[in-house]
PDB file of all heavy atoms in Angstrom:
ATOM      1  N   LEU A   1      -8.215  37.121 -57.124  1.00  0.00           N
ATOM      2  CA  LEU A   1      -8.693  38.493 -57.200  1.00  0.00           C
ATOM      3  C   LEU A   1      -8.724  39.153 -55.812  1.00  0.00           C
ATOM      4  O   LEU A   1      -8.400  40.329 -55.675  1.00  0.00           O
ATOM      5  CB  LEU A   1     -10.076  38.548 -57.833  1.00  0.00           C
ATOM      6  CG  LEU A   1     -10.159  38.217 -59.318  1.00  0.00           C
ATOM      7  CD1 LEU A   1     -11.592  38.015 -59.764  1.00  0.00           C
ATOM      8  CD2 LEU A   1      -9.519  39.330 -60.146  1.00  0.00           C
ATOM      9  N   LEU A   2      -9.115  38.382 -54.804  1.00  0.00           N
ATOM     10  CA  LEU A   2      -9.260  38.963 -53.461  1.00  0.00           C
ATOM     11  C   LEU A   2      -7.952  39.041 -52.698  1.00  0.00           C
ATOM     12  O   LEU A   2      -7.760  39.978 -51.894  1.00  0.00           O
ATOM     13  CB  LEU A   2     -10.283  38.171 -52.651  1.00  0.00           C
ATOM     14  CG  LEU A   2     -11.720  38.209 -53.123  1.00  0.00           C
ATOM     15  CD1 LEU A   2     -12.592  37.313 -52.239  1.00  0.00           C
ATOM     16  CD2 LEU A   2     -12.273  39.639 -53.169  1.00  0.00           C
ATOM     17  N   THR A   3      -7.039  38.100 -52.926  1.00  0.00           N
ATOM     18  CA  THR A   3      -5.863  37.993 -52.043  1.00  0.00           C
ATOM     19  C   THR A   3      -4.525  38.338 -52.689  1.00  0.00           C
ATOM     20  O   THR A   3      -3.556  38.570 -51.984  1.00  0.00           O
ATOM     21  CB  THR A   3      -5.755  36.571 -51.449  1.00  0.00           C
ATOM     22  OG1 THR A   3      -5.447  35.652 -52.496  1.00  0.00           O
ATOM     23  CG2 THR A   3      -7.080  36.168 -50.775  1.00  0.00           C
ATOM     24  N   PHE A   4      -4.444  38.359 -54.021  1.00  0.00           N
ATOM     25  CA  PHE A   4      -3.173  38.683 -54.661  1.00  0.00           C
ATOM     26  C   PHE A   4      -2.730  40.103 -54.248  1.00  0.00           C
ATOM     27  O   PHE A   4      -3.566  40.974 -53.956  1.00  0.00           O
ATOM     28  CB  PHE A   4      -3.315  38.627 -56.182  1.00  0.00           C
ATOM     29  CG  PHE A   4      -2.995  37.276 -56.773  1.00  0.00           C
ATOM     30  CD1 PHE A   4      -3.073  36.121 -56.007  1.00  0.00           C
ATOM     31  CD2 PHE A   4      -2.645  37.145 -58.102  1.00  0.00           C
ATOM     32  CE1 PHE A   4      -2.809  34.885 -56.518  1.00  0.00           C
ATOM     33  CE2 PHE A   4      -2.388  35.919 -58.653  1.00  0.00           C
ATOM     34  CZ  PHE A   4      -2.459  34.770 -57.880  1.00  0.00           C
ATOM     35  N   PRO A   5      -1.430  40.337 -54.240  1.00  0.00           N
ATOM     36  CA  PRO A   5      -0.941  41.676 -53.832  1.00  0.00           C
ATOM     37  C   PRO A   5      -1.322  42.743 -54.872  1.00  0.00           C
ATOM     38  O   PRO A   5      -1.602  42.458 -56.022  1.00  0.00           O
ATOM     39  CB  PRO A   5       0.573  41.478 -53.762  1.00  0.00           C
ATOM     40  CG  PRO A   5       0.870  40.313 -54.646  1.00  0.00           C
ATOM     41  CD  PRO A   5      -0.314  39.408 -54.530  1.00  0.00           C
ATOM     42  N   ARG A   6      -1.254  43.963 -54.434  1.00  0.00           N
ATOM     43  CA  ARG A   6      -1.624  45.119 -55.250  1.00  0.00           C
ATOM     44  C   ARG A   6      -0.818  45.151 -56.555  1.00  0.00           C
ATOM     45  O   ARG A   6      -1.358  45.442 -57.619  1.00  0.00           O
ATOM     46  CB  ARG A   6      -1.359  46.401 -54.436  1.00  0.00           C
ATOM     47  CG  ARG A   6      -1.526  47.678 -55.219  1.00  0.00           C
ATOM     48  CD  ARG A   6      -1.006  48.862 -54.415  1.00  0.00           C
ATOM     49  NE  ARG A   6      -1.045  50.080 -55.222  1.00  0.00           N
ATOM     50  CZ  ARG A   6      -2.065  50.920 -55.220  1.00  0.00           C
ATOM     51  NH1 ARG A   6      -3.106  50.693 -54.476  1.00  0.00           N
ATOM     52  NH2 ARG A   6      -2.018  51.998 -55.985  1.00  0.00           N
ATOM     53  N   ARG A   7       0.488  44.839 -56.487  1.00  0.00           N
ATOM     54  CA  ARG A   7       1.316  44.921 -57.679  1.00  0.00           C
ATOM     55  C   ARG A   7       0.871  43.975 -58.781  1.00  0.00           C
ATOM     56  O   ARG A   7       1.157  44.166 -59.955  1.00  0.00           O
ATOM     57  CB  ARG A   7       2.774  44.649 -57.321  1.00  0.00           C
ATOM     58  CG  ARG A   7       3.043  43.256 -56.784  1.00  0.00           C
ATOM     59  CD  ARG A   7       4.477  43.040 -56.381  1.00  0.00           C
ATOM     60  NE  ARG A   7       4.661  41.760 -55.719  1.00  0.00           N
ATOM     61  CZ  ARG A   7       4.820  40.624 -56.360  1.00  0.00           C
ATOM     62  NH1 ARG A   7       4.845  40.605 -57.705  1.00  0.00           N
ATOM     63  NH2 ARG A   7       4.969  39.488 -55.719  1.00  0.00           N
ATOM     64  N   LEU A   8       0.121  42.911 -58.389  1.00  0.00           N
ATOM     65  CA  LEU A   8      -0.388  41.954 -59.368  1.00  0.00           C
ATOM     66  C   LEU A   8      -1.868  42.169 -59.657  1.00  0.00           C
ATOM     67  O   LEU A   8      -2.471  41.375 -60.374  1.00  0.00           O
ATOM     68  CB  LEU A   8      -0.165  40.520 -58.865  1.00  0.00           C
ATOM     69  CG  LEU A   8       1.320  40.073 -58.798  1.00  0.00           C
ATOM     70  CD1 LEU A   8       1.407  38.647 -58.244  1.00  0.00           C
ATOM     71  CD2 LEU A   8       1.998  40.155 -60.165  1.00  0.00           C
ATOM     72  N   GLY A   9      -2.443  43.219 -59.127  1.00  0.00           N
ATOM     73  CA  GLY A   9      -3.834  43.539 -59.428  1.00  0.00           C
ATOM     74  C   GLY A   9      -4.869  42.976 -58.475  1.00  0.00           C
ATOM     75  O   GLY A   9      -6.058  43.072 -58.735  1.00  0.00           O
ATOM     76  N   GLY A  10      -4.425  42.398 -57.363  1.00  0.00           N
ATOM     77  CA  GLY A  10      -5.361  41.834 -56.403  1.00  0.00           C
ATOM     78  C   GLY A  10      -5.776  42.833 -55.343  1.00  0.00           C
ATOM     79  O   GLY A  10      -5.228  43.953 -55.267  1.00  0.00           O
ATOM     80  N   CYS A  11      -6.742  42.426 -54.520  1.00  0.00           N
ATOM     81  CA  CYS A  11      -7.271  43.323 -53.484  1.00  0.00           C
ATOM     82  C   CYS A  11      -6.463  43.325 -52.211  1.00  0.00           C
ATOM     83  O   CYS A  11      -6.743  44.088 -51.279  1.00  0.00           O
ATOM     84  CB  CYS A  11      -8.706  42.923 -53.149  1.00  0.00           C
ATOM     85  SG  CYS A  11      -9.883  43.175 -54.503  1.00  0.00           S
ATOM     86  N   THR A  12      -5.475  42.463 -52.117  1.00  0.00           N
ATOM     87  CA  THR A  12      -4.559  42.407 -50.963  1.00  0.00           C
ATOM     88  C   THR A  12      -5.314  42.177 -49.655  1.00  0.00           C
ATOM     89  O   THR A  12      -4.967  42.740 -48.617  1.00  0.00           O
ATOM     90  CB  THR A  12      -3.728  43.713 -50.860  1.00  0.00           C
ATOM     91  OG1 THR A  12      -3.387  44.154 -52.174  1.00  0.00           O
ATOM     92  CG2 THR A  12      -2.432  43.476 -50.107  1.00  0.00           C
ATOM     93  N   LEU A  13      -6.342  41.357 -49.701  1.00  0.00           N
ATOM     94  CA  LEU A  13      -7.121  41.048 -48.485  1.00  0.00           C
ATOM     95  C   LEU A  13      -6.510  39.843 -47.783  1.00  0.00           C
ATOM     96  O   LEU A  13      -6.671  38.706 -48.246  1.00  0.00           O
ATOM     97  CB  LEU A  13      -8.581  40.814 -48.842  1.00  0.00           C
ATOM     98  CG  LEU A  13      -9.317  41.974 -49.476  1.00  0.00           C
ATOM     99  CD1 LEU A  13     -10.781  41.590 -49.769  1.00  0.00           C
ATOM    100  CD2 LEU A  13      -9.285  43.209 -48.570  1.00  0.00           C
ATOM    101  N   GLU A  14      -5.839  40.089 -46.704  1.00  0.00           N
ATOM    102  CA  GLU A  14      -5.188  39.010 -45.961  1.00  0.00           C
ATOM    103  C   GLU A  14      -6.162  38.347 -45.015  1.00  0.00           C
ATOM    104  O   GLU A  14      -7.169  38.919 -44.616  1.00  0.00           O
ATOM    105  CB  GLU A  14      -3.983  39.565 -45.193  1.00  0.00           C
ATOM    106  CG  GLU A  14      -2.910  40.179 -46.079  1.00  0.00           C
ATOM    107  CD  GLU A  14      -1.770  40.757 -45.267  1.00  0.00           C
ATOM    108  OE1 GLU A  14      -1.925  40.856 -44.025  1.00  0.00           O
ATOM    109  OE2 GLU A  14      -0.740  41.125 -45.853  1.00  0.00           O
ATOM    110  N   GLY A  15      -5.834  37.120 -44.624  1.00  0.00           N
ATOM    111  CA  GLY A  15      -6.618  36.414 -43.608  1.00  0.00           C
ATOM    112  C   GLY A  15      -7.620  35.425 -44.153  1.00  0.00           C
ATOM    113  O   GLY A  15      -8.251  34.699 -43.371  1.00  0.00           O
ATOM    114  N   PHE A  16      -7.773  35.340 -45.484  1.00  0.00           N
ATOM    115  CA  PHE A  16      -8.703  34.364 -46.049  1.00  0.00           C
ATOM    116  C   PHE A  16      -8.103  32.963 -46.014  1.00  0.00           C
ATOM    117  O   PHE A  16      -6.902  32.775 -46.178  1.00  0.00           O
ATOM    118  CB  PHE A  16      -9.046  34.725 -47.503  1.00  0.00           C
ATOM    119  CG  PHE A  16     -10.233  35.652 -47.623  1.00  0.00           C
ATOM    120  CD1 PHE A  16     -10.042  36.984 -47.924  1.00  0.00           C
ATOM    121  CD2 PHE A  16     -11.531  35.194 -47.412  1.00  0.00           C
ATOM    122  CE1 PHE A  16     -11.117  37.857 -48.025  1.00  0.00           C
ATOM    123  CE2 PHE A  16     -12.590  36.049 -47.520  1.00  0.00           C
ATOM    124  CZ  PHE A  16     -12.412  37.372 -47.829  1.00  0.00           C
ATOM    125  N   GLU A  17      -8.946  31.990 -45.831  1.00  0.00           N
ATOM    126  CA  GLU A  17      -8.560  30.568 -45.840  1.00  0.00           C
ATOM    127  C   GLU A  17      -9.499  29.805 -46.752  1.00  0.00           C
ATOM    128  O   GLU A  17     -10.719  29.892 -46.612  1.00  0.00           O
ATOM    129  CB  GLU A  17      -8.607  30.021 -44.416  1.00  0.00           C
ATOM    130  CG  GLU A  17      -8.163  28.571 -44.303  1.00  0.00           C
ATOM    131  CD  GLU A  17      -8.243  28.053 -42.885  1.00  0.00           C
ATOM    132  OE1 GLU A  17      -8.435  28.872 -41.954  1.00  0.00           O
ATOM    133  OE2 GLU A  17      -8.141  26.821 -42.722  1.00  0.00           O
ATOM    134  N   ASN A  18      -8.906  29.055 -47.682  1.00  0.00           N
ATOM    135  CA  ASN A  18      -9.718  28.257 -48.603  1.00  0.00           C
ATOM    136  C   ASN A  18     -10.132  26.935 -47.944  1.00  0.00           C
ATOM    137  O   ASN A  18      -9.395  26.352 -47.150  1.00  0.00           O
ATOM    138  CB  ASN A  18      -8.930  27.926 -49.876  1.00  0.00           C
ATOM    139  CG  ASN A  18      -8.725  29.143 -50.745  1.00  0.00           C
ATOM    140  OD1 ASN A  18      -7.656  29.725 -50.775  1.00  0.00           O
ATOM    141  ND2 ASN A  18      -9.774  29.527 -51.477  1.00  0.00           N
ATOM    142  N   ASN A  19     -11.318  26.482 -48.307  1.00  0.00           N
ATOM    143  CA  ASN A  19     -11.759  25.128 -47.924  1.00  0.00           C
ATOM    144  C   ASN A  19     -11.707  24.943 -46.415  1.00  0.00           C
ATOM    145  O   ASN A  19     -11.294  23.907 -45.913  1.00  0.00           O
ATOM    146  CB  ASN A  19     -10.874  24.079 -48.626  1.00  0.00           C
ATOM    147  CG  ASN A  19     -11.482  22.702 -48.617  1.00  0.00           C
ATOM    148  OD1 ASN A  19     -12.693  22.532 -48.716  1.00  0.00           O
ATOM    149  ND2 ASN A  19     -10.618  21.690 -48.493  1.00  0.00           N
ATOM    150  N   ARG A  20     -12.152  25.964 -45.687  1.00  0.00           N
ATOM    151  CA  ARG A  20     -12.104  25.942 -44.220  1.00  0.00           C
ATOM    152  C   ARG A  20     -13.221  25.045 -43.665  1.00  0.00           C
ATOM    153  O   ARG A  20     -14.382  25.231 -43.967  1.00  0.00           O
ATOM    154  CB  ARG A  20     -12.252  27.348 -43.709  1.00  0.00           C
ATOM    155  CG  ARG A  20     -12.566  27.476 -42.195  1.00  0.00           C
ATOM    156  CD  ARG A  20     -11.378  27.091 -41.321  1.00  0.00           C
ATOM    157  NE  ARG A  20     -11.729  27.295 -39.911  1.00  0.00           N
ATOM    158  CZ  ARG A  20     -11.420  28.400 -39.236  1.00  0.00           C
ATOM    159  NH1 ARG A  20     -10.791  29.387 -39.820  1.00  0.00           N
ATOM    160  NH2 ARG A  20     -11.753  28.506 -37.964  1.00  0.00           N
ATOM    161  N   LYS A  21     -12.837  24.088 -42.827  1.00  0.00           N
ATOM    162  CA  LYS A  21     -13.826  23.261 -42.165  1.00  0.00           C
ATOM    163  C   LYS A  21     -14.414  24.006 -40.994  1.00  0.00           C
ATOM    164  O   LYS A  21     -13.686  24.508 -40.123  1.00  0.00           O
ATOM    165  CB  LYS A  21     -13.189  21.947 -41.680  1.00  0.00           C
ATOM    166  CG  LYS A  21     -14.187  21.003 -41.023  1.00  0.00           C
ATOM    167  CD  LYS A  21     -13.505  19.701 -40.594  1.00  0.00           C
ATOM    168  CE  LYS A  21     -14.499  18.750 -39.954  1.00  0.00           C
ATOM    169  NZ  LYS A  21     -13.855  17.477 -39.543  1.00  0.00           N
ATOM    170  N   VAL A  22     -15.734  24.094 -40.959  1.00  0.00           N
ATOM    171  CA  VAL A  22     -16.433  24.749 -39.840  1.00  0.00           C
ATOM    172  C   VAL A  22     -17.266  23.697 -39.124  1.00  0.00           C
ATOM    173  O   VAL A  22     -18.192  23.110 -39.704  1.00  0.00           O
ATOM    174  CB  VAL A  22     -17.339  25.892 -40.358  1.00  0.00           C
ATOM    175  CG1 VAL A  22     -18.150  26.472 -39.205  1.00  0.00           C
ATOM    176  CG2 VAL A  22     -16.529  26.963 -41.045  1.00  0.00           C
ATOM    177  N   VAL A  23     -16.914  23.453 -37.879  1.00  0.00           N
ATOM    178  CA  VAL A  23     -17.688  22.502 -37.068  1.00  0.00           C
ATOM    179  C   VAL A  23     -18.942  23.232 -36.577  1.00  0.00           C
ATOM    180  O   VAL A  23     -18.853  24.301 -35.951  1.00  0.00           O
ATOM    181  CB  VAL A  23     -16.860  21.996 -35.871  1.00  0.00           C
ATOM    182  CG1 VAL A  23     -17.692  21.074 -34.994  1.00  0.00           C
ATOM    183  CG2 VAL A  23     -15.619  21.274 -36.378  1.00  0.00           C
ATOM    184  N   LEU A  24     -20.084  22.682 -36.898  1.00  0.00           N
ATOM    185  CA  LEU A  24     -21.332  23.364 -36.618  1.00  0.00           C
ATOM    186  C   LEU A  24     -21.716  23.206 -35.134  1.00  0.00           C
ATOM    187  O   LEU A  24     -21.467  22.166 -34.525  1.00  0.00           O
ATOM    188  CB  LEU A  24     -22.446  22.792 -37.501  1.00  0.00           C
ATOM    189  CG  LEU A  24     -22.202  22.920 -39.010  1.00  0.00           C
ATOM    190  CD1 LEU A  24     -23.353  22.272 -39.787  1.00  0.00           C
ATOM    191  CD2 LEU A  24     -22.067  24.377 -39.418  1.00  0.00           C
ATOM    192  N   ASP A  25     -22.302  24.264 -34.598  1.00  0.00           N
ATOM    193  CA  ASP A  25     -22.814  24.183 -33.237  1.00  0.00           C
ATOM    194  C   ASP A  25     -24.184  23.525 -33.252  1.00  0.00           C
ATOM    195  O   ASP A  25     -24.668  23.053 -34.274  1.00  0.00           O
ATOM    196  CB  ASP A  25     -22.833  25.588 -32.609  1.00  0.00           C
ATOM    197  CG  ASP A  25     -23.775  26.552 -33.321  1.00  0.00           C
ATOM    198  OD1 ASP A  25     -24.558  26.107 -34.193  1.00  0.00           O
ATOM    199  OD2 ASP A  25     -23.731  27.757 -33.044  1.00  0.00           O
ATOM    200  N   ALA A  26     -24.816  23.505 -32.103  1.00  0.00           N
ATOM    201  CA  ALA A  26     -26.106  22.801 -31.994  1.00  0.00           C
ATOM    202  C   ALA A  26     -27.141  23.405 -32.953  1.00  0.00           C
ATOM    203  O   ALA A  26     -27.907  22.680 -33.601  1.00  0.00           O
ATOM    204  CB  ALA A  26     -26.619  22.879 -30.559  1.00  0.00           C
ATOM    205  N   THR A  27     -27.141  24.717 -33.094  1.00  0.00           N
ATOM    206  CA  THR A  27     -28.076  25.367 -34.012  1.00  0.00           C
ATOM    207  C   THR A  27     -27.783  24.948 -35.455  1.00  0.00           C
ATOM    208  O   THR A  27     -28.696  24.588 -36.205  1.00  0.00           O
ATOM    209  CB  THR A  27     -28.000  26.896 -33.884  1.00  0.00           C
ATOM    210  OG1 THR A  27     -28.306  27.268 -32.567  1.00  0.00           O
ATOM    211  CG2 THR A  27     -28.947  27.555 -34.861  1.00  0.00           C
ATOM    212  N   GLY A  28     -26.531  24.991 -35.804  1.00  0.00           N
ATOM    213  CA  GLY A  28     -26.156  24.603 -37.167  1.00  0.00           C
ATOM    214  C   GLY A  28     -26.465  23.161 -37.462  1.00  0.00           C
ATOM    215  O   GLY A  28     -26.928  22.818 -38.560  1.00  0.00           O
ATOM    216  N   ARG A  29     -26.215  22.285 -36.495  1.00  0.00           N
ATOM    217  CA  ARG A  29     -26.528  20.870 -36.686  1.00  0.00           C
ATOM    218  C   ARG A  29     -28.033  20.648 -36.852  1.00  0.00           C
ATOM    219  O   ARG A  29     -28.453  19.829 -37.654  1.00  0.00           O
ATOM    220  CB  ARG A  29     -25.973  20.041 -35.536  1.00  0.00           C
ATOM    221  CG  ARG A  29     -24.452  20.000 -35.488  1.00  0.00           C
ATOM    222  CD  ARG A  29     -23.946  18.895 -34.557  1.00  0.00           C
ATOM    223  NE  ARG A  29     -24.393  19.117 -33.172  1.00  0.00           N
ATOM    224  CZ  ARG A  29     -23.706  19.839 -32.285  1.00  0.00           C
ATOM    225  NH1 ARG A  29     -22.571  20.415 -32.638  1.00  0.00           N
ATOM    226  NH2 ARG A  29     -24.137  19.962 -31.033  1.00  0.00           N
ATOM    227  N   THR A  30     -28.803  21.390 -36.076  1.00  0.00           N
ATOM    228  CA  THR A  30     -30.266  21.249 -36.181  1.00  0.00           C
ATOM    229  C   THR A  30     -30.741  21.710 -37.542  1.00  0.00           C
ATOM    230  O   THR A  30     -31.588  21.075 -38.179  1.00  0.00           O
ATOM    231  CB  THR A  30     -30.951  22.064 -35.078  1.00  0.00           C
ATOM    232  OG1 THR A  30     -30.509  21.582 -33.806  1.00  0.00           O
ATOM    233  CG2 THR A  30     -32.455  21.957 -35.182  1.00  0.00           C
ATOM    234  N   LEU A  31     -30.200  22.828 -38.017  1.00  0.00           N
ATOM    235  CA  LEU A  31     -30.658  23.389 -39.281  1.00  0.00           C
ATOM    236  C   LEU A  31     -30.220  22.586 -40.502  1.00  0.00           C
ATOM    237  O   LEU A  31     -30.895  22.577 -41.520  1.00  0.00           O
ATOM    238  CB  LEU A  31     -30.153  24.842 -39.420  1.00  0.00           C
ATOM    239  CG  LEU A  31     -30.765  25.863 -38.442  1.00  0.00           C
ATOM    240  CD1 LEU A  31     -29.994  27.169 -38.507  1.00  0.00           C
ATOM    241  CD2 LEU A  31     -32.221  26.084 -38.777  1.00  0.00           C
ATOM    242  N   SER A  32     -29.088  21.899 -40.368  1.00  0.00           N
ATOM    243  CA  SER A  32     -28.521  21.213 -41.550  1.00  0.00           C
ATOM    244  C   SER A  32     -28.502  19.702 -41.450  1.00  0.00           C
ATOM    245  O   SER A  32     -28.290  19.015 -42.446  1.00  0.00           O
ATOM    246  CB  SER A  32     -27.083  21.705 -41.767  1.00  0.00           C
ATOM    247  OG  SER A  32     -26.260  21.270 -40.681  1.00  0.00           O
TER     248      SER A  32
END
């Protein structure tokens, strides 16, 4: 829905990445 092209009914939002690994910083590591 978010990334398909307009002709197929999508929002054409480029730049999204699925299942992206985010390495947490010190704050994130403390919180989680």
